[in-house]
N, C-alpha and C. Protein backbone atom coordinates (compact mmCIF):
# COMPACT_ATOMS: atom_id res chain seq x y z
N MET A 1 137.23 97.18 -94.68
CA MET A 1 135.82 98.03 -94.43
C MET A 1 134.57 97.98 -94.94
N LYS A 2 133.61 97.54 -94.25
CA LYS A 2 132.41 96.95 -94.82
C LYS A 2 131.83 98.32 -95.39
N HIS A 3 131.20 98.57 -96.32
CA HIS A 3 130.34 99.51 -96.87
C HIS A 3 128.84 99.17 -97.02
N ASN A 4 127.91 100.08 -96.29
CA ASN A 4 126.45 99.80 -95.76
C ASN A 4 125.61 100.29 -97.07
N ASN A 5 124.93 99.75 -97.69
CA ASN A 5 124.34 99.85 -98.76
C ASN A 5 122.85 100.42 -98.44
N ASN A 6 122.94 100.56 -96.97
CA ASN A 6 121.37 100.79 -96.76
C ASN A 6 121.43 102.31 -96.22
N SER A 7 122.57 102.99 -96.09
CA SER A 7 123.23 104.13 -95.54
C SER A 7 122.29 105.67 -96.84
N ARG A 8 121.63 106.60 -96.16
CA ARG A 8 121.02 107.66 -96.86
C ARG A 8 121.39 108.74 -96.59
N HIS A 9 121.78 109.44 -97.97
CA HIS A 9 121.61 111.03 -97.69
C HIS A 9 120.67 111.51 -97.54
N PRO A 10 120.78 112.66 -97.14
CA PRO A 10 119.59 113.59 -96.66
C PRO A 10 119.04 114.05 -98.57
N GLY A 11 117.89 114.32 -98.65
CA GLY A 11 117.03 113.93 -99.76
C GLY A 11 117.18 112.42 -100.86
N GLU A 12 117.80 111.79 -100.60
CA GLU A 12 117.25 110.54 -101.42
C GLU A 12 116.19 109.71 -100.68
N ASP A 13 115.41 108.90 -101.87
CA ASP A 13 114.09 108.39 -101.39
C ASP A 13 114.24 107.26 -101.95
N ARG A 14 115.34 106.50 -101.80
CA ARG A 14 115.74 104.91 -102.78
C ARG A 14 114.98 103.83 -102.32
N ASP A 15 114.03 104.18 -101.43
CA ASP A 15 112.98 102.72 -100.82
C ASP A 15 112.16 103.13 -101.00
N LEU A 16 111.63 104.19 -101.84
CA LEU A 16 110.22 104.45 -102.15
C LEU A 16 109.71 104.09 -103.68
N PRO A 17 108.42 102.90 -103.45
CA PRO A 17 108.25 102.38 -104.54
C PRO A 17 108.05 103.41 -105.95
N ALA A 18 108.61 102.46 -107.30
CA ALA A 18 108.53 103.41 -108.39
C ALA A 18 107.11 104.15 -108.83
N SER A 19 106.38 103.44 -108.50
CA SER A 19 104.77 103.74 -108.98
C SER A 19 104.26 104.73 -108.02
N LYS A 20 104.73 104.97 -107.03
CA LYS A 20 103.76 105.71 -106.29
C LYS A 20 103.76 107.22 -107.04
N ASN A 21 104.75 107.73 -107.72
CA ASN A 21 104.64 109.13 -108.34
C ASN A 21 103.80 108.81 -109.97
N LYS A 22 103.31 107.33 -110.31
CA LYS A 22 102.93 107.36 -111.60
C LYS A 22 101.48 107.31 -111.43
N ILE A 23 100.83 107.07 -110.09
CA ILE A 23 99.45 106.49 -109.90
C ILE A 23 98.63 107.80 -110.03
N PRO A 24 99.31 109.28 -109.45
CA PRO A 24 98.40 110.41 -109.85
C PRO A 24 98.04 110.60 -111.19
N ALA A 25 99.45 110.10 -111.83
CA ALA A 25 99.44 110.97 -112.95
C ALA A 25 98.53 109.93 -113.75
N PHE A 26 98.47 108.47 -113.52
CA PHE A 26 97.63 107.63 -114.57
C PHE A 26 96.11 108.13 -114.19
N ALA A 27 95.68 107.85 -112.72
CA ALA A 27 94.14 108.66 -112.31
C ALA A 27 94.04 109.96 -113.36
N GLY A 28 94.89 110.95 -113.40
CA GLY A 28 94.57 112.10 -114.17
C GLY A 28 94.13 112.13 -115.52
N MET A 29 95.24 111.22 -116.25
CA MET A 29 95.02 110.72 -117.60
C MET A 29 93.65 109.81 -117.79
N THR A 30 93.39 109.13 -117.21
CA THR A 30 92.30 108.53 -117.04
C THR A 30 91.05 109.68 -116.87
N LEU A 31 90.64 110.38 -115.76
CA LEU A 31 89.73 111.21 -115.81
C LEU A 31 89.48 112.07 -116.58
N LEU A 32 90.85 112.70 -117.42
CA LEU A 32 90.58 113.49 -118.49
C LEU A 32 90.23 112.81 -119.60
N CYS A 33 90.24 111.54 -119.79
CA CYS A 33 89.84 110.83 -121.01
C CYS A 33 88.59 110.60 -120.93
N VAL A 34 88.13 109.94 -119.52
CA VAL A 34 86.50 109.90 -119.21
C VAL A 34 85.66 111.41 -119.42
N LEU A 35 86.64 112.10 -119.06
CA LEU A 35 85.59 113.79 -119.07
C LEU A 35 85.46 113.94 -120.89
N LEU A 36 86.30 113.64 -121.42
CA LEU A 36 86.54 114.60 -122.82
C LEU A 36 85.47 113.25 -123.72
N LEU A 37 85.12 112.01 -123.22
CA LEU A 37 84.70 111.17 -123.56
C LEU A 37 82.95 111.26 -123.45
N THR A 38 82.90 111.78 -122.38
CA THR A 38 81.55 111.88 -121.75
C THR A 38 81.08 113.03 -121.73
N GLY A 39 81.94 114.43 -122.42
CA GLY A 39 81.27 115.68 -122.65
C GLY A 39 81.29 115.87 -123.65
N CYS A 40 81.70 114.54 -124.66
CA CYS A 40 81.27 115.02 -126.21
C CYS A 40 79.44 115.78 -126.83
N VAL A 41 79.70 116.69 -127.66
CA VAL A 41 78.79 116.93 -128.05
C VAL A 41 78.51 116.80 -129.59
N THR A 42 77.81 115.75 -129.95
CA THR A 42 77.60 115.09 -131.27
C THR A 42 77.05 116.22 -132.01
N ARG A 43 77.18 115.81 -133.64
CA ARG A 43 76.56 116.46 -134.55
C ARG A 43 74.91 116.46 -134.42
N GLU A 44 74.55 115.25 -134.33
CA GLU A 44 73.16 115.34 -134.11
C GLU A 44 72.50 116.11 -132.64
N ASP A 45 73.54 115.87 -131.91
CA ASP A 45 72.77 116.66 -130.45
C ASP A 45 72.64 118.19 -130.80
N ALA A 46 73.64 118.57 -131.57
CA ALA A 46 73.70 120.09 -131.72
C ALA A 46 72.60 120.20 -132.81
N ASP A 47 72.43 119.74 -133.87
CA ASP A 47 71.51 119.79 -134.57
C ASP A 47 69.67 119.60 -134.15
N ALA A 48 69.86 118.89 -133.24
CA ALA A 48 68.86 119.09 -132.10
C ALA A 48 67.99 120.36 -131.56
N ARG A 49 69.59 120.49 -130.90
CA ARG A 49 69.25 121.79 -130.38
C ARG A 49 68.87 122.91 -131.32
N ILE A 50 69.73 123.02 -132.31
CA ILE A 50 69.09 124.09 -133.17
C ILE A 50 67.56 124.06 -134.07
N ALA A 51 67.68 122.86 -134.24
CA ALA A 51 66.11 122.73 -134.42
C ALA A 51 64.84 123.08 -133.31
N ARG A 52 65.13 123.13 -132.29
CA ARG A 52 64.37 123.62 -131.29
C ARG A 52 64.72 124.79 -131.17
N GLY A 53 65.37 125.74 -131.36
CA GLY A 53 65.63 127.08 -131.06
C GLY A 53 65.08 127.56 -132.83
N CYS A 54 65.19 127.01 -133.63
CA CYS A 54 64.45 127.36 -134.64
C CYS A 54 62.84 127.38 -134.75
N ALA A 55 62.64 126.44 -134.21
CA ALA A 55 60.96 126.11 -133.99
C ALA A 55 60.35 127.15 -133.23
N ALA A 56 61.29 127.16 -131.72
CA ALA A 56 60.69 128.49 -131.09
C ALA A 56 60.72 129.81 -131.76
N GLY A 57 61.87 130.52 -132.30
CA GLY A 57 62.23 131.61 -133.13
C GLY A 57 60.95 131.93 -133.98
N VAL A 58 60.78 130.92 -134.65
CA VAL A 58 59.67 130.88 -136.10
C VAL A 58 58.77 131.16 -135.37
N GLU A 59 57.56 130.62 -133.89
CA GLU A 59 56.51 131.08 -133.48
C GLU A 59 56.55 132.47 -133.22
N ILE A 60 57.44 132.95 -132.78
CA ILE A 60 57.52 134.58 -132.52
C ILE A 60 56.68 135.35 -133.70
N PHE A 61 56.86 134.59 -135.00
CA PHE A 61 56.35 136.00 -135.83
C PHE A 61 55.43 135.20 -136.92
N LEU A 62 54.64 133.68 -136.13
CA LEU A 62 53.40 133.35 -136.91
C LEU A 62 52.01 134.38 -136.74
N ASP A 63 51.31 134.45 -137.54
CA ASP A 63 50.26 135.23 -137.47
C ASP A 63 49.70 135.02 -135.93
N GLU A 64 48.95 135.79 -135.39
CA GLU A 64 48.51 135.55 -134.37
C GLU A 64 47.06 134.41 -133.63
N GLY A 65 47.63 133.48 -133.10
CA GLY A 65 46.60 132.38 -132.70
C GLY A 65 47.34 131.02 -133.25
N PHE A 66 48.26 131.49 -134.47
CA PHE A 66 48.74 130.09 -134.84
C PHE A 66 49.77 129.45 -134.00
N LYS A 67 50.32 128.30 -134.21
CA LYS A 67 51.60 127.73 -133.78
C LYS A 67 52.32 126.55 -134.38
N ILE A 68 53.33 126.14 -134.11
CA ILE A 68 53.56 124.57 -134.73
C ILE A 68 53.08 123.87 -134.05
N LYS A 69 52.28 122.95 -135.24
CA LYS A 69 51.52 121.85 -134.54
C LYS A 69 51.93 120.68 -134.31
N GLU A 70 53.20 120.43 -135.44
CA GLU A 70 53.70 119.09 -135.67
C GLU A 70 55.20 119.37 -136.45
N ILE A 71 55.91 118.67 -136.11
CA ILE A 71 57.59 118.92 -137.13
C ILE A 71 57.53 117.54 -137.94
N LYS A 72 57.50 117.49 -139.02
CA LYS A 72 57.54 116.72 -140.44
C LYS A 72 58.74 116.33 -140.43
N ASP A 73 59.54 117.11 -140.63
CA ASP A 73 60.61 116.79 -141.08
C ASP A 73 61.98 117.84 -140.76
N THR A 74 63.12 117.67 -140.71
CA THR A 74 64.26 118.85 -140.85
C THR A 74 64.98 118.31 -141.86
N LEU A 75 65.93 119.32 -141.88
CA LEU A 75 67.24 119.05 -142.97
C LEU A 75 68.11 120.25 -142.48
N PHE A 76 69.37 119.41 -142.13
CA PHE A 76 70.51 120.22 -141.80
C PHE A 76 71.46 120.38 -142.77
N LYS A 77 72.17 121.54 -142.97
CA LYS A 77 73.10 121.60 -143.89
C LYS A 77 74.28 122.65 -143.25
N GLU A 78 75.44 122.77 -144.00
CA GLU A 78 76.12 124.03 -144.22
C GLU A 78 75.60 125.21 -144.75
N SER A 79 75.41 126.45 -144.28
CA SER A 79 74.88 127.12 -145.06
C SER A 79 75.62 127.73 -146.48
N LYS A 80 75.06 127.48 -147.42
CA LYS A 80 75.63 128.03 -148.76
C LYS A 80 76.31 129.35 -148.84
N GLU A 81 74.81 130.31 -148.25
CA GLU A 81 75.28 131.74 -148.59
C GLU A 81 76.39 132.48 -147.32
N PHE A 82 76.24 131.81 -146.39
CA PHE A 82 77.07 132.30 -145.46
C PHE A 82 78.56 131.55 -145.04
N GLY A 83 78.53 130.00 -145.64
CA GLY A 83 79.87 129.55 -145.61
C GLY A 83 80.13 129.09 -144.33
N SER A 84 81.36 128.52 -143.93
CA SER A 84 81.74 127.47 -142.76
C SER A 84 81.83 128.33 -141.29
N GLY A 85 81.18 127.65 -140.55
CA GLY A 85 80.64 128.31 -139.30
C GLY A 85 79.16 128.76 -139.24
N TYR A 86 78.33 128.89 -140.68
CA TYR A 86 77.10 128.88 -139.94
C TYR A 86 76.34 127.17 -140.54
N ARG A 87 75.50 126.93 -139.92
CA ARG A 87 74.43 125.95 -139.84
C ARG A 87 72.82 126.30 -140.13
N SER A 88 72.13 125.51 -141.43
CA SER A 88 71.05 125.99 -142.14
C SER A 88 70.31 124.79 -141.41
N VAL A 89 69.38 125.20 -140.69
CA VAL A 89 67.92 123.82 -140.50
C VAL A 89 66.80 124.48 -141.16
N ILE A 90 66.05 123.82 -141.78
CA ILE A 90 64.95 123.74 -142.58
C ILE A 90 64.04 122.67 -141.89
N ILE A 91 63.05 123.39 -141.54
CA ILE A 91 61.84 122.64 -140.98
C ILE A 91 60.64 122.35 -141.56
N LYS A 92 59.90 121.22 -141.57
CA LYS A 92 59.10 121.29 -142.61
C LYS A 92 58.13 120.82 -141.53
N ALA A 93 56.89 121.75 -141.35
CA ALA A 93 55.81 121.46 -140.19
C ALA A 93 54.81 121.86 -140.51
N VAL A 94 53.78 121.49 -139.24
CA VAL A 94 52.37 121.81 -139.74
C VAL A 94 52.17 122.97 -138.70
N GLU A 95 51.27 124.13 -139.36
CA GLU A 95 51.09 125.08 -138.73
C GLU A 95 49.70 125.16 -138.50
N SER A 96 49.16 125.59 -137.03
CA SER A 96 47.74 125.56 -137.23
C SER A 96 47.33 126.63 -135.88
N ASP A 97 46.00 126.80 -136.35
CA ASP A 97 45.33 127.80 -135.25
C ASP A 97 44.24 126.94 -134.31
N GLY A 98 44.40 125.67 -134.35
CA GLY A 98 43.18 124.97 -133.62
C GLY A 98 42.32 124.34 -134.51
N TRP A 99 41.98 125.23 -135.91
CA TRP A 99 41.34 125.07 -136.76
C TRP A 99 41.61 124.37 -138.33
N LEU A 100 42.51 125.44 -138.35
CA LEU A 100 43.20 124.71 -139.94
C LEU A 100 44.52 124.69 -139.71
N ASP A 101 44.69 123.64 -140.68
CA ASP A 101 46.27 122.77 -140.55
C ASP A 101 47.16 123.21 -141.67
N THR A 102 47.88 123.60 -142.09
CA THR A 102 48.61 123.89 -143.15
C THR A 102 50.18 123.50 -143.16
N ASP A 103 50.62 123.00 -144.31
CA ASP A 103 51.79 122.77 -144.24
C ASP A 103 52.93 123.76 -144.79
N LYS A 104 54.10 123.67 -143.88
CA LYS A 104 54.77 125.20 -143.87
C LYS A 104 56.33 124.59 -144.11
N GLN A 105 57.11 125.41 -144.39
CA GLN A 105 58.39 125.37 -144.08
C GLN A 105 59.30 126.43 -144.17
N TYR A 106 60.21 126.46 -143.05
CA TYR A 106 61.27 127.53 -142.15
C TYR A 106 62.30 127.34 -142.46
N GLU A 107 63.11 128.04 -142.28
CA GLU A 107 64.30 127.83 -142.42
C GLU A 107 65.48 129.42 -141.42
N CYS A 108 66.21 128.55 -140.72
CA CYS A 108 67.00 129.36 -139.71
C CYS A 108 68.68 128.91 -139.86
N VAL A 109 69.48 129.73 -140.13
CA VAL A 109 70.80 130.19 -140.03
C VAL A 109 71.17 130.53 -138.61
N PHE A 110 72.49 129.58 -138.12
CA PHE A 110 73.29 129.88 -137.09
C PHE A 110 74.48 129.82 -137.06
N ALA A 111 74.88 130.97 -136.50
CA ALA A 111 76.43 131.29 -136.60
C ALA A 111 76.79 130.01 -135.22
N GLU A 112 77.55 129.17 -135.60
CA GLU A 112 77.98 127.98 -134.37
C GLU A 112 79.73 127.86 -134.75
N SER A 113 79.85 127.21 -133.08
CA SER A 113 81.22 126.71 -133.14
C SER A 113 80.89 125.62 -131.94
N PHE A 114 82.12 124.53 -132.14
CA PHE A 114 82.45 123.47 -131.19
C PHE A 114 83.84 124.12 -130.37
N GLY A 115 83.78 123.30 -128.90
CA GLY A 115 84.92 123.44 -128.42
C GLY A 115 85.91 122.37 -128.54
N LEU A 116 86.93 122.44 -127.92
CA LEU A 116 87.91 121.96 -127.98
C LEU A 116 87.75 120.59 -127.88
N PHE A 117 87.67 119.39 -128.63
CA PHE A 117 87.03 117.99 -128.65
C PHE A 117 85.61 117.55 -128.59
N ASN A 118 85.11 118.91 -129.10
CA ASN A 118 83.52 118.57 -129.11
C ASN A 118 83.09 118.77 -127.77
N ALA A 119 83.67 119.68 -126.70
CA ALA A 119 83.56 119.19 -125.19
C ALA A 119 82.08 120.32 -125.25
N ASN A 120 81.99 121.32 -126.22
CA ASN A 120 80.69 122.11 -126.09
C ASN A 120 80.60 122.58 -127.11
N HIS A 121 79.49 122.99 -127.44
CA HIS A 121 78.42 123.54 -128.69
C HIS A 121 78.00 124.84 -128.33
N ASP A 122 78.02 125.99 -129.14
CA ASP A 122 77.29 127.09 -128.83
C ASP A 122 76.96 127.46 -130.37
N ALA A 123 75.55 127.78 -130.26
CA ALA A 123 74.97 128.56 -131.45
C ALA A 123 74.41 129.88 -130.95
N THR A 124 74.45 130.60 -132.13
CA THR A 124 73.63 132.04 -132.03
C THR A 124 72.68 131.79 -133.69
N ILE A 125 71.48 132.20 -133.15
CA ILE A 125 70.47 132.75 -133.79
C ILE A 125 71.19 133.60 -135.44
N TYR A 126 71.17 133.14 -136.28
CA TYR A 126 71.47 134.81 -137.39
C TYR A 126 70.71 135.52 -138.30
N GLN A 127 69.57 134.05 -139.06
CA GLN A 127 68.94 134.73 -139.77
C GLN A 127 67.91 133.28 -139.32
N LEU A 128 66.21 134.41 -139.87
CA LEU A 128 65.10 133.49 -139.75
C LEU A 128 64.56 134.13 -140.86
N LYS A 129 63.68 132.75 -141.70
CA LYS A 129 62.98 133.01 -142.75
C LYS A 129 61.51 132.21 -142.45
N VAL A 130 60.50 133.11 -142.37
CA VAL A 130 58.99 132.64 -142.33
C VAL A 130 58.10 133.19 -142.95
N ASN A 131 57.12 132.87 -144.03
CA ASN A 131 56.39 133.14 -144.61
C ASN A 131 56.94 134.00 -145.71
N ASP A 132 58.15 133.86 -145.96
CA ASP A 132 58.40 134.58 -147.45
C ASP A 132 59.02 136.09 -146.79
N GLN A 133 59.41 136.14 -145.21
CA GLN A 133 59.84 136.98 -144.96
C GLN A 133 61.29 136.82 -144.09
N GLU A 134 62.23 137.63 -144.19
CA GLU A 134 63.34 137.24 -143.50
C GLU A 134 63.94 138.25 -142.01
N TYR A 135 64.16 137.80 -141.10
CA TYR A 135 64.23 138.24 -139.74
C TYR A 135 66.10 138.06 -139.38
N GLY A 136 66.33 138.81 -138.66
CA GLY A 136 67.64 138.93 -138.05
C GLY A 136 68.62 139.62 -139.11
N ASN A 137 69.76 138.36 -138.98
CA ASN A 137 70.94 139.24 -140.20
C ASN A 137 70.82 139.48 -141.29
N VAL A 138 70.12 140.09 -142.05
CA VAL A 138 69.64 140.40 -143.70
C VAL A 138 70.53 141.39 -144.45
N GLY A 139 71.35 140.63 -145.33
CA GLY A 139 72.18 141.65 -146.09
C GLY A 139 73.37 142.43 -144.85
N GLY A 140 73.81 141.92 -144.38
CA GLY A 140 75.05 142.66 -143.37
C GLY A 140 74.12 143.55 -141.98
N LYS A 141 72.89 143.80 -141.92
CA LYS A 141 72.34 144.55 -141.22
C LYS A 141 70.95 143.86 -140.64
N ILE A 142 70.75 144.29 -138.91
CA ILE A 142 69.51 143.66 -138.54
C ILE A 142 68.43 143.82 -138.91
N LYS A 143 67.55 143.02 -139.54
CA LYS A 143 65.83 143.67 -139.79
C LYS A 143 65.29 143.75 -138.54
N GLY A 144 64.85 144.94 -138.40
CA GLY A 144 63.63 145.04 -137.30
C GLY A 144 64.33 145.50 -136.37
N ASP A 145 63.84 145.89 -135.14
CA ASP A 145 64.58 146.60 -134.27
C ASP A 145 65.40 145.72 -133.13
N PHE A 146 66.06 146.48 -132.41
CA PHE A 146 66.54 146.05 -131.49
C PHE A 146 66.33 144.81 -130.56
N LYS A 147 65.02 145.43 -129.76
CA LYS A 147 63.89 145.11 -128.84
C LYS A 147 63.62 143.48 -129.79
N ASP A 148 62.93 143.63 -131.20
CA ASP A 148 62.62 142.50 -131.52
C ASP A 148 63.93 141.32 -131.56
N HIS A 149 64.86 141.46 -132.04
CA HIS A 149 66.00 141.11 -131.76
C HIS A 149 66.48 140.27 -130.53
N LEU A 150 66.17 141.27 -129.57
CA LEU A 150 66.85 140.89 -128.38
C LEU A 150 65.89 139.40 -128.22
N LYS A 151 64.55 140.16 -127.93
CA LYS A 151 63.51 139.08 -127.99
C LYS A 151 63.75 137.33 -128.71
N LEU A 152 63.98 137.75 -130.15
CA LEU A 152 64.07 136.52 -130.62
C LEU A 152 65.38 135.69 -130.44
N THR A 153 66.47 136.36 -129.99
CA THR A 153 68.00 135.88 -129.31
C THR A 153 67.48 135.15 -128.10
N GLU A 154 66.95 135.62 -127.13
CA GLU A 154 66.27 135.62 -125.86
C GLU A 154 65.48 133.87 -125.93
N ILE A 155 64.46 133.99 -126.87
CA ILE A 155 63.47 132.70 -127.16
C ILE A 155 64.05 131.45 -127.60
N VAL A 156 65.10 132.03 -128.60
CA VAL A 156 65.89 130.56 -129.14
C VAL A 156 66.73 130.07 -128.44
N GLU A 157 67.26 130.73 -127.57
CA GLU A 157 68.80 130.50 -126.74
C GLU A 157 67.88 129.63 -125.62
N ARG A 158 66.73 129.92 -125.26
CA ARG A 158 65.77 129.41 -123.90
C ARG A 158 65.66 127.94 -124.53
N ALA A 159 65.00 127.82 -125.69
CA ALA A 159 64.73 126.66 -126.29
C ALA A 159 65.71 125.65 -126.76
N MET A 160 66.93 126.18 -127.13
CA MET A 160 68.15 125.48 -127.24
C MET A 160 68.93 124.82 -125.87
N SER A 161 68.22 125.68 -124.63
CA SER A 161 68.66 125.27 -123.13
C SER A 161 67.91 123.84 -122.88
N ARG A 162 67.00 123.88 -123.27
CA ARG A 162 66.34 122.67 -122.89
C ARG A 162 66.48 121.12 -123.13
């Protein structure tokens, strides 16, 4: 009696190519790799965001009629005062009222975090120093009233979103 090798039992898929099930897995892995590589936030991108936020926050507390005319330099570092998870930015800028230009230095501290594989960056203003005055969280307490702090947070977040 001759045995027929082409006979099938219910549920058997001997004739299906082995690669049929591998293609979607390969495509999924490729898509994941592309998304991870294109979605990464670099340290430079994050620093640029917090510098924009800091400059916008500083302008709230400048004397009436004064604006930041030009940012000459920025310095970024981990906050020595608050430690890991806090990023300090020092902005050296020209403050102007349209007539008088003055070199000034401002400092902002942000609480920040990066998502998995640096897929996103989250930063919140923590403290701001303008003209020898501190705003935001000072000594574990919010300096100023809640309305001012809310306004500061909103303006900084809007500037970082640009």
